[in-house]
C-alpha cells in the first residue's frame, strides 16, 4: 500500500522560504507522477505543482511560478517543494499526491487523477 508522509511545514514571515518533503513508500516511486496541492481554510484543494516521472517535465499554477520548485530524488523516494518569496496567501495545508502512470512525461493538475495522498503539512506565512 502506497503511503506518503509530508514534512517541512511551519510558520514563516512573508518573503521567507521553506522546503517541503514528501517520502513515498509501498511501491516503486519512479513509476509515479507526483503532485503538490494546497487547501486554505474555507477553500477547495487546489493544484500547486506537478512533476512527471521524468524530472524535466513540470507544471506550476500561475501564482507560484518563479517562486516554487518541485523536484524528486528517486534514490530517496522523496519529492520536494522548495518555496521562496512566500506570501500570506500561500498559507494553507500542503498535500503531496501520487499517480501511477506508464508515461515518463505525463503530469496533470486534476486532483481526481491522483490516487494516493499524504496527510498534509501546515504552512503559515505571516505578514
Protein backbone atom coordinates (compact mmCIF):
# COMPACT_ATOMS: atom_id res chain seq x y z
CA UNK A 1 0.00 0.00 0.00
CA UNK A 2 1.40 3.37 -1.02
CA UNK A 3 1.99 5.80 1.80
CA UNK A 4 3.01 9.45 1.58
CA UNK A 5 4.35 11.41 4.53
CA UNK A 6 4.90 15.16 4.25
CA UNK A 7 7.12 17.27 6.45
CA UNK A 8 8.76 20.68 6.48
CA UNK A 9 5.82 22.95 7.09
CA UNK A 10 5.84 25.70 9.67
CA UNK A 11 5.47 29.39 10.39
CA UNK A 12 7.50 31.80 8.29
CA UNK A 13 7.47 35.54 7.65
CA UNK A 14 6.49 36.93 4.28
CA UNK A 15 9.43 36.81 1.93
CA UNK A 16 10.87 33.75 3.62
CA UNK A 17 11.46 30.23 2.35
CA UNK A 18 10.51 26.68 3.26
CA UNK A 19 11.21 23.29 1.75
CA UNK A 20 8.52 20.64 1.98
CA UNK A 21 9.40 16.97 1.68
CA UNK A 22 7.19 14.01 0.92
CA UNK A 23 8.52 10.50 1.48
CA UNK A 24 6.94 7.76 -0.62
CA UNK A 25 6.75 4.08 0.38
CA UNK A 26 4.92 0.90 -0.56
CA UNK A 27 5.65 0.77 -4.27
CA UNK A 28 8.21 1.81 -6.89
CA UNK A 29 8.49 5.57 -6.63
CA UNK A 30 9.91 6.04 -10.11
CA UNK A 31 6.64 4.78 -11.65
CA UNK A 32 4.65 7.68 -10.21
CA UNK A 33 3.91 11.20 -11.26
CA UNK A 34 3.92 13.41 -8.16
CA UNK A 35 1.91 16.48 -7.33
CA UNK A 36 1.59 19.11 -4.63
CA UNK A 37 -1.77 20.62 -3.74
CA UNK A 38 -2.87 23.01 -1.03
CA UNK A 39 -6.02 23.84 0.83
CA UNK A 40 -6.66 27.09 2.66
CA UNK A 41 -9.45 27.38 5.26
CA UNK A 42 -12.84 27.56 3.60
CA UNK A 43 -11.44 26.90 0.14
CA UNK A 44 -11.19 23.90 -2.14
CA UNK A 45 -7.98 21.96 -2.50
CA UNK A 46 -6.05 23.47 -5.39
CA UNK A 47 -3.20 22.40 -7.61
CA UNK A 48 0.24 23.83 -6.90
CA UNK A 49 2.81 21.83 -8.87
CA UNK A 50 3.33 18.53 -10.62
CA UNK A 51 6.36 16.54 -11.70
CA UNK A 52 6.31 13.68 -14.17
CA UNK A 53 8.39 10.55 -13.81
CA UNK A 54 10.98 12.27 -15.96
CA UNK A 55 12.28 15.11 -13.83
CA UNK A 56 12.32 17.61 -16.68
CA UNK A 57 8.54 17.66 -17.02
CA UNK A 58 6.96 20.04 -14.55
CA UNK A 59 3.88 22.21 -14.23
CA UNK A 60 3.03 25.04 -11.84
CA UNK A 61 -0.02 27.08 -11.10
CA UNK A 62 0.50 30.66 -12.19
CA UNK A 63 0.56 32.10 -8.68
CA UNK A 64 3.69 30.15 -7.71
CA UNK A 65 5.67 30.23 -10.96
CA UNK A 66 9.12 31.61 -10.37
CA UNK A 67 8.82 31.16 -6.60
CA UNK A 68 8.25 27.41 -6.09
CA UNK A 69 10.25 24.49 -7.45
CA UNK A 70 9.18 20.86 -7.44
CA UNK A 71 11.84 18.17 -7.63
CA UNK A 72 12.33 14.49 -6.90
CA UNK A 73 15.07 12.20 -5.69
CA UNK A 74 14.27 8.67 -6.82
CA UNK A 75 17.10 7.25 -4.73
CA UNK A 76 15.43 8.66 -1.60
CA UNK A 77 11.82 8.08 -2.71
CA UNK A 78 11.17 11.72 -1.99
CA UNK A 79 9.53 14.65 -3.73
CA UNK A 80 10.28 18.20 -2.65
CA UNK A 81 8.61 21.56 -2.93
CA UNK A 82 11.05 24.41 -2.48
CA UNK A 83 9.10 27.57 -1.70
CA UNK A 84 10.65 31.02 -1.82
CA UNK A 85 9.36 34.60 -1.58
CA UNK A 86 6.43 33.31 0.42
CA UNK A 87 3.29 35.41 0.69
CA UNK A 88 0.47 35.36 3.25
CA UNK A 89 -1.81 33.98 0.52
CA UNK A 90 0.40 30.86 0.38
CA UNK A 91 -0.91 29.92 3.84
CA UNK A 92 -2.56 26.51 3.58
CA UNK A 93 -2.23 22.84 4.34
CA UNK A 94 0.02 21.37 1.67
CA UNK A 95 -0.55 17.83 0.42
CA UNK A 96 1.55 15.64 -1.80
CA UNK A 97 -0.13 13.15 -4.10
CA UNK A 98 0.93 10.26 -6.33
CA UNK A 99 -0.35 9.00 -9.66
CA UNK A 100 0.79 5.72 -11.20
CA UNK A 101 1.48 6.09 -14.91
CA UNK A 102 3.31 4.23 -17.65
CA UNK A 103 4.26 7.56 -19.25
CA UNK A 104 7.51 9.19 -18.21
CA UNK A 105 6.30 12.62 -19.30
CA UNK A 106 2.71 12.73 -18.08
CA UNK A 107 1.58 15.19 -15.42
CA UNK A 108 -1.81 16.62 -14.55
CA UNK A 109 -3.48 19.32 -12.48
CA UNK A 110 -6.58 17.19 -11.98
CA UNK A 111 -6.65 16.11 -8.35
CA UNK A 112 -9.12 13.31 -9.13
CA UNK A 113 -6.41 11.52 -11.09
CA UNK A 114 -4.14 11.23 -8.06
CA UNK A 115 -4.92 8.06 -6.18
CA UNK A 116 -2.65 8.43 -3.15
CA UNK A 117 -2.45 11.37 -0.78
CA UNK A 118 -0.44 12.34 2.26
CA UNK A 119 -1.87 13.71 5.48
CA UNK A 120 -0.74 17.27 4.81
CA UNK A 121 1.61 19.75 6.41
CA UNK A 122 0.64 23.24 7.55
CA UNK A 123 2.36 26.26 6.06
CA UNK A 124 1.60 29.62 7.64
CA UNK A 125 3.04 32.84 6.24
CA UNK A 126 2.77 35.90 8.44
CA UNK A 127 2.69 39.44 7.08
